[in-house]
Amino acid sequence: MEGNIVRVPQKHFIGISFSGTFPMLLEEMPKQWAHFLTRQKEIPLVVDADVRYDISDENRTYKMHTEYIAVEVERFETIPEKMVALTIPARTYAQFTHTGPMSEVQHTYTRLFQWLEEQRIQVDWNTLRMERYDARYIPSHHEAARQENSYEIYIPLAQAELDQTD
């Protein structure tokens, strides 16, 4: 597995959030995706309605995760009830593609972190990680076991890596 180093511009998002332990996420995230898909049409100024993000904030000290299921918006004008808005500043990421059944995602993450280590690329563990979903795979819509499922994973890089790409 190889990654690409990419610069992602600042992005604004509106969506829903869920916090819990990793085992809780495994159980709750499919429900959260289904809920988001029923409410997505409420979000104004969407950049591309066919592209959705799962943005992860992992608190490694307390082993808690907050996940944001969202779409990119042009700007914040109106935030629907019980939704959240967040802005992610421009930064550099290592970009990878997961292809295959969702049961193999953990293997993809293991391989991508091995690749980063082999390349001596430092991860910024204190910054939000993103997964970008398009028509190739829509959680809770497509079957998780499909071989053709595919989506992008963005791992934030440490400041030293940022300086090298600017």
C-alpha atoms as a PDB file:
ATOM      1  CA  MET A   1       0.000   0.000   0.000  1.00  0.00           C
ATOM      2  CA  GLU A   2       1.259   3.437  -0.910  1.00  0.00           C
ATOM      3  CA  GLY A   3      -0.092   6.806   0.044  1.00  0.00           C
ATOM      4  CA  ASN A   4      -0.002  10.211  -1.561  1.00  0.00           C
ATOM      5  CA  ILE A   5       0.937  13.383   0.268  1.00  0.00           C
ATOM      6  CA  VAL A   6      -1.761  15.968  -0.471  1.00  0.00           C
ATOM      7  CA  ARG A   7      -2.576  19.500   0.638  1.00  0.00           C
ATOM      8  CA  VAL A   8      -6.265  19.876   1.507  1.00  0.00           C
ATOM      9  CA  PRO A   9      -7.663  23.428   1.584  1.00  0.00           C
ATOM     10  CA  GLN A  10      -9.745  24.714   4.480  1.00  0.00           C
ATOM     11  CA  LYS A  11     -13.169  23.078   4.534  1.00  0.00           C
ATOM     12  CA  HIS A  12     -16.438  23.876   6.327  1.00  0.00           C
ATOM     13  CA  PHE A  13     -18.723  21.022   7.353  1.00  0.00           C
ATOM     14  CA  ILE A  14     -22.212  20.569   8.765  1.00  0.00           C
ATOM     15  CA  GLY A  15     -23.446  17.251  10.078  1.00  0.00           C
ATOM     16  CA  ILE A  16     -24.114  15.149  13.136  1.00  0.00           C
ATOM     17  CA  SER A  17     -21.747  13.941  15.832  1.00  0.00           C
ATOM     18  CA  PHE A  18     -21.489  10.939  18.100  1.00  0.00           C
ATOM     19  CA  SER A  19     -19.038  10.270  20.940  1.00  0.00           C
ATOM     20  CA  GLY A  20     -18.144   6.977  22.562  1.00  0.00           C
ATOM     21  CA  THR A  21     -15.571   4.260  23.005  1.00  0.00           C
ATOM     22  CA  PHE A  22     -14.348   2.350  19.962  1.00  0.00           C
ATOM     23  CA  PRO A  23     -16.646  -0.654  20.676  1.00  0.00           C
ATOM     24  CA  MET A  24     -19.587   1.762  20.950  1.00  0.00           C
ATOM     25  CA  LEU A  25     -18.672   3.290  17.594  1.00  0.00           C
ATOM     26  CA  LEU A  26     -18.682  -0.098  15.899  1.00  0.00           C
ATOM     27  CA  GLU A  27     -22.276  -0.573  17.024  1.00  0.00           C
ATOM     28  CA  GLU A  28     -23.561   2.992  16.644  1.00  0.00           C
ATOM     29  CA  MET A  29     -21.948   4.315  13.469  1.00  0.00           C
ATOM     30  CA  PRO A  30     -24.190   2.421  11.012  1.00  0.00           C
ATOM     31  CA  LYS A  31     -27.227   3.868  12.825  1.00  0.00           C
ATOM     32  CA  GLN A  32     -25.678   7.349  12.796  1.00  0.00           C
ATOM     33  CA  TRP A  33     -24.988   7.102   9.052  1.00  0.00           C
ATOM     34  CA  ALA A  34     -28.578   6.048   8.364  1.00  0.00           C
ATOM     35  CA  HIS A  35     -29.846   8.956  10.482  1.00  0.00           C
ATOM     36  CA  PHE A  36     -27.560  11.440   8.724  1.00  0.00           C
ATOM     37  CA  LEU A  37     -28.639  10.284   5.265  1.00  0.00           C
ATOM     38  CA  THR A  38     -32.293  10.967   6.175  1.00  0.00           C
ATOM     39  CA  ARG A  39     -31.401  14.499   7.349  1.00  0.00           C
ATOM     40  CA  GLN A  40     -28.750  15.527   4.817  1.00  0.00           C
ATOM     41  CA  LYS A  41     -31.294  17.370   2.648  1.00  0.00           C
ATOM     42  CA  GLU A  42     -31.798  19.877   5.520  1.00  0.00           C
ATOM     43  CA  ILE A  43     -28.250  21.201   5.137  1.00  0.00           C
ATOM     44  CA  PRO A  44     -27.954  24.378   3.022  1.00  0.00           C
ATOM     45  CA  LEU A  45     -25.130  25.388   0.675  1.00  0.00           C
ATOM     46  CA  VAL A  46     -23.743  21.863   0.213  1.00  0.00           C
ATOM     47  CA  VAL A  47     -20.685  21.756  -2.059  1.00  0.00           C
ATOM     48  CA  ASP A  48     -21.384  18.229  -3.399  1.00  0.00           C
ATOM     49  CA  ALA A  49     -24.365  16.258  -2.063  1.00  0.00           C
ATOM     50  CA  ASP A  50     -22.798  12.975  -3.251  1.00  0.00           C
ATOM     51  CA  VAL A  51     -19.656  13.386  -1.124  1.00  0.00           C
ATOM     52  CA  ARG A  52     -19.811  12.765   2.611  1.00  0.00           C
ATOM     53  CA  TYR A  53     -17.173  12.731   5.320  1.00  0.00           C
ATOM     54  CA  ASP A  54     -16.562  10.860   8.535  1.00  0.00           C
ATOM     55  CA  ILE A  55     -14.285  13.115  10.567  1.00  0.00           C
ATOM     56  CA  SER A  56     -12.643  11.490  13.594  1.00  0.00           C
ATOM     57  CA  ASP A  57     -11.405  13.087  16.791  1.00  0.00           C
ATOM     58  CA  GLU A  58      -9.703  10.492  18.955  1.00  0.00           C
ATOM     59  CA  ASN A  59      -8.837  11.246  22.573  1.00  0.00           C
ATOM     60  CA  ARG A  60      -6.064   8.728  23.107  1.00  0.00           C
ATOM     61  CA  THR A  61      -5.757   9.502  26.833  1.00  0.00           C
ATOM     62  CA  TYR A  62      -9.364   8.598  27.632  1.00  0.00           C
ATOM     63  CA  LYS A  63      -9.852   6.193  24.698  1.00  0.00           C
ATOM     64  CA  MET A  64     -12.875   8.158  23.505  1.00  0.00           C
ATOM     65  CA  HIS A  65     -13.795   9.001  19.934  1.00  0.00           C
ATOM     66  CA  THR A  66     -15.998  11.720  18.518  1.00  0.00           C
ATOM     67  CA  GLU A  67     -17.153  11.084  14.977  1.00  0.00           C
ATOM     68  CA  TYR A  68     -18.690  13.735  12.733  1.00  0.00           C
ATOM     69  CA  ILE A  69     -20.698  12.555   9.750  1.00  0.00           C
ATOM     70  CA  ALA A  70     -20.967  15.588   7.534  1.00  0.00           C
ATOM     71  CA  VAL A  71     -21.009  17.231   4.146  1.00  0.00           C
ATOM     72  CA  GLU A  72     -18.840  20.104   3.029  1.00  0.00           C
ATOM     73  CA  VAL A  73     -20.648  23.444   2.792  1.00  0.00           C
ATOM     74  CA  GLU A  74     -19.706  26.724   1.110  1.00  0.00           C
ATOM     75  CA  ARG A  75     -20.180  28.664   4.351  1.00  0.00           C
ATOM     76  CA  PHE A  76     -22.215  28.572   7.550  1.00  0.00           C
ATOM     77  CA  GLU A  77     -25.534  30.277   7.008  1.00  0.00           C
ATOM     78  CA  THR A  78     -28.029  28.090   8.846  1.00  0.00           C
ATOM     79  CA  ILE A  79     -27.182  25.050  10.946  1.00  0.00           C
ATOM     80  CA  PRO A  80     -30.097  22.612  11.192  1.00  0.00           C
ATOM     81  CA  GLU A  81     -31.370  21.695  14.652  1.00  0.00           C
ATOM     82  CA  LYS A  82     -29.272  19.074  16.477  1.00  0.00           C
ATOM     83  CA  MET A  83     -26.472  19.347  13.917  1.00  0.00           C
ATOM     84  CA  VAL A  84     -22.989  20.748  14.357  1.00  0.00           C
ATOM     85  CA  ALA A  85     -20.702  22.910  12.218  1.00  0.00           C
ATOM     86  CA  LEU A  86     -16.932  22.648  12.085  1.00  0.00           C
ATOM     87  CA  THR A  87     -14.094  24.085  10.063  1.00  0.00           C
ATOM     88  CA  ILE A  88     -10.919  22.175   9.351  1.00  0.00           C
ATOM     89  CA  PRO A  89      -8.007  24.447   8.441  1.00  0.00           C
ATOM     90  CA  ALA A  90      -5.865  23.797   5.374  1.00  0.00           C
ATOM     91  CA  ARG A  91      -3.197  21.198   6.053  1.00  0.00           C
ATOM     92  CA  THR A  92      -1.208  18.345   4.590  1.00  0.00           C
ATOM     93  CA  TYR A  93      -2.391  14.738   4.784  1.00  0.00           C
ATOM     94  CA  ALA A  94      -1.283  11.323   3.694  1.00  0.00           C
ATOM     95  CA  GLN A  95      -4.100  10.063   1.463  1.00  0.00           C
ATOM     96  CA  PHE A  96      -4.933   6.381   1.044  1.00  0.00           C
ATOM     97  CA  THR A  97      -7.757   4.432  -0.571  1.00  0.00           C
ATOM     98  CA  HIS A  98      -9.526   1.533   1.103  1.00  0.00           C
ATOM     99  CA  THR A  99     -11.045  -0.865  -1.425  1.00  0.00           C
ATOM    100  CA  GLY A 100     -12.962  -3.976  -0.449  1.00  0.00           C
ATOM    101  CA  PRO A 101     -15.326  -5.186   2.242  1.00  0.00           C
ATOM    102  CA  MET A 102     -15.606  -3.036   5.333  1.00  0.00           C
ATOM    103  CA  SER A 103     -14.470  -6.007   7.417  1.00  0.00           C
ATOM    104  CA  GLU A 104     -10.987  -5.353   5.947  1.00  0.00           C
ATOM    105  CA  VAL A 105     -10.766  -1.670   6.971  1.00  0.00           C
ATOM    106  CA  GLN A 106      -8.661  -2.411  10.059  1.00  0.00           C
ATOM    107  CA  HIS A 107      -6.159  -4.227   7.827  1.00  0.00           C
ATOM    108  CA  THR A 108      -6.036  -1.169   5.534  1.00  0.00           C
ATOM    109  CA  TYR A 109      -5.290   1.086   8.513  1.00  0.00           C
ATOM    110  CA  THR A 110      -2.564  -1.281   9.731  1.00  0.00           C
ATOM    111  CA  ARG A 111      -0.930  -1.248   6.283  1.00  0.00           C
ATOM    112  CA  LEU A 112      -1.186   2.506   5.846  1.00  0.00           C
ATOM    113  CA  PHE A 113       0.412   3.184   9.257  1.00  0.00           C
ATOM    114  CA  GLN A 114       3.178   0.694   8.365  1.00  0.00           C
ATOM    115  CA  TRP A 115       3.770   2.608   5.117  1.00  0.00           C
ATOM    116  CA  LEU A 116       3.938   5.929   6.987  1.00  0.00           C
ATOM    117  CA  GLU A 117       6.452   4.446   9.428  1.00  0.00           C
ATOM    118  CA  GLU A 118       8.575   2.982   6.611  1.00  0.00           C
ATOM    119  CA  GLN A 119       8.612   6.395   4.911  1.00  0.00           C
ATOM    120  CA  ARG A 120       9.515   8.061   8.237  1.00  0.00           C
ATOM    121  CA  ILE A 121       6.447  10.279   7.954  1.00  0.00           C
ATOM    122  CA  GLN A 122       5.150  11.542  11.282  1.00  0.00           C
ATOM    123  CA  VAL A 123       1.416  11.545  12.027  1.00  0.00           C
ATOM    124  CA  ASP A 124      -0.197  14.405  13.953  1.00  0.00           C
ATOM    125  CA  TRP A 125      -2.199  12.404  16.501  1.00  0.00           C
ATOM    126  CA  ASN A 126      -3.844  15.566  17.878  1.00  0.00           C
ATOM    127  CA  THR A 127      -5.592  16.551  14.657  1.00  0.00           C
ATOM    128  CA  LEU A 128      -8.789  15.352  13.022  1.00  0.00           C
ATOM    129  CA  ARG A 129      -8.597  12.412  10.634  1.00  0.00           C
ATOM    130  CA  MET A 130     -10.985  12.294   7.665  1.00  0.00           C
ATOM    131  CA  GLU A 131     -12.596   9.636   5.540  1.00  0.00           C
ATOM    132  CA  ARG A 132     -14.193  10.803   2.274  1.00  0.00           C
ATOM    133  CA  TYR A 133     -17.102   8.802   0.868  1.00  0.00           C
ATOM    134  CA  ASP A 134     -18.596   9.202  -2.593  1.00  0.00           C
ATOM    135  CA  ALA A 135     -20.792   7.039  -4.838  1.00  0.00           C
ATOM    136  CA  ARG A 136     -18.298   4.150  -4.621  1.00  0.00           C
ATOM    137  CA  TYR A 137     -19.426   3.425  -1.059  1.00  0.00           C
ATOM    138  CA  ILE A 138     -22.164   5.019   1.055  1.00  0.00           C
ATOM    139  CA  PRO A 139     -22.241   3.628   4.611  1.00  0.00           C
ATOM    140  CA  SER A 140     -25.626   2.174   5.617  1.00  0.00           C
ATOM    141  CA  HIS A 141     -26.720   2.309   1.965  1.00  0.00           C
ATOM    142  CA  HIS A 142     -24.364  -0.170   0.292  1.00  0.00           C
ATOM    143  CA  GLU A 143     -23.686  -3.620   1.665  1.00  0.00           C
ATOM    144  CA  ALA A 144     -20.593  -3.584   3.872  1.00  0.00           C
ATOM    145  CA  ALA A 145     -19.405  -6.884   2.375  1.00  0.00           C
ATOM    146  CA  ARG A 146     -19.227  -5.586  -1.228  1.00  0.00           C
ATOM    147  CA  GLN A 147     -15.822  -6.104  -2.831  1.00  0.00           C
ATOM    148  CA  GLU A 148     -16.136  -2.845  -4.809  1.00  0.00           C
ATOM    149  CA  ASN A 149     -16.561  -0.596  -1.741  1.00  0.00           C
ATOM    150  CA  SER A 150     -13.983   2.176  -1.934  1.00  0.00           C
ATOM    151  CA  TYR A 151     -13.286   5.422  -0.088  1.00  0.00           C
ATOM    152  CA  GLU A 152     -10.441   7.811   0.734  1.00  0.00           C
ATOM    153  CA  ILE A 153      -8.644   8.030   4.093  1.00  0.00           C
ATOM    154  CA  TYR A 154      -6.792  11.215   5.089  1.00  0.00           C
ATOM    155  CA  ILE A 155      -4.207  10.977   7.879  1.00  0.00           C
ATOM    156  CA  PRO A 156      -2.980  14.377   9.193  1.00  0.00           C
ATOM    157  CA  LEU A 157       0.772  14.859   9.136  1.00  0.00           C
ATOM    158  CA  ALA A 158       2.943  16.445  11.817  1.00  0.00           C
ATOM    159  CA  GLN A 159       4.213  20.004  11.394  1.00  0.00           C
ATOM    160  CA  ALA A 160       7.620  18.917  10.061  1.00  0.00           C
ATOM    161  CA  GLU A 161       5.831  17.109   7.234  1.00  0.00           C
ATOM    162  CA  LEU A 162       3.719  20.205   6.551  1.00  0.00           C
ATOM    163  CA  ASP A 163       6.803  22.385   6.226  1.00  0.00           C
ATOM    164  CA  GLN A 164       8.302  20.031   3.634  1.00  0.00           C
ATOM    165  CA  THR A 165       5.277  20.239   1.332  1.00  0.00           C
ATOM    166  CA  ASP A 166       4.677  24.021   1.396  1.00  0.00           C
END
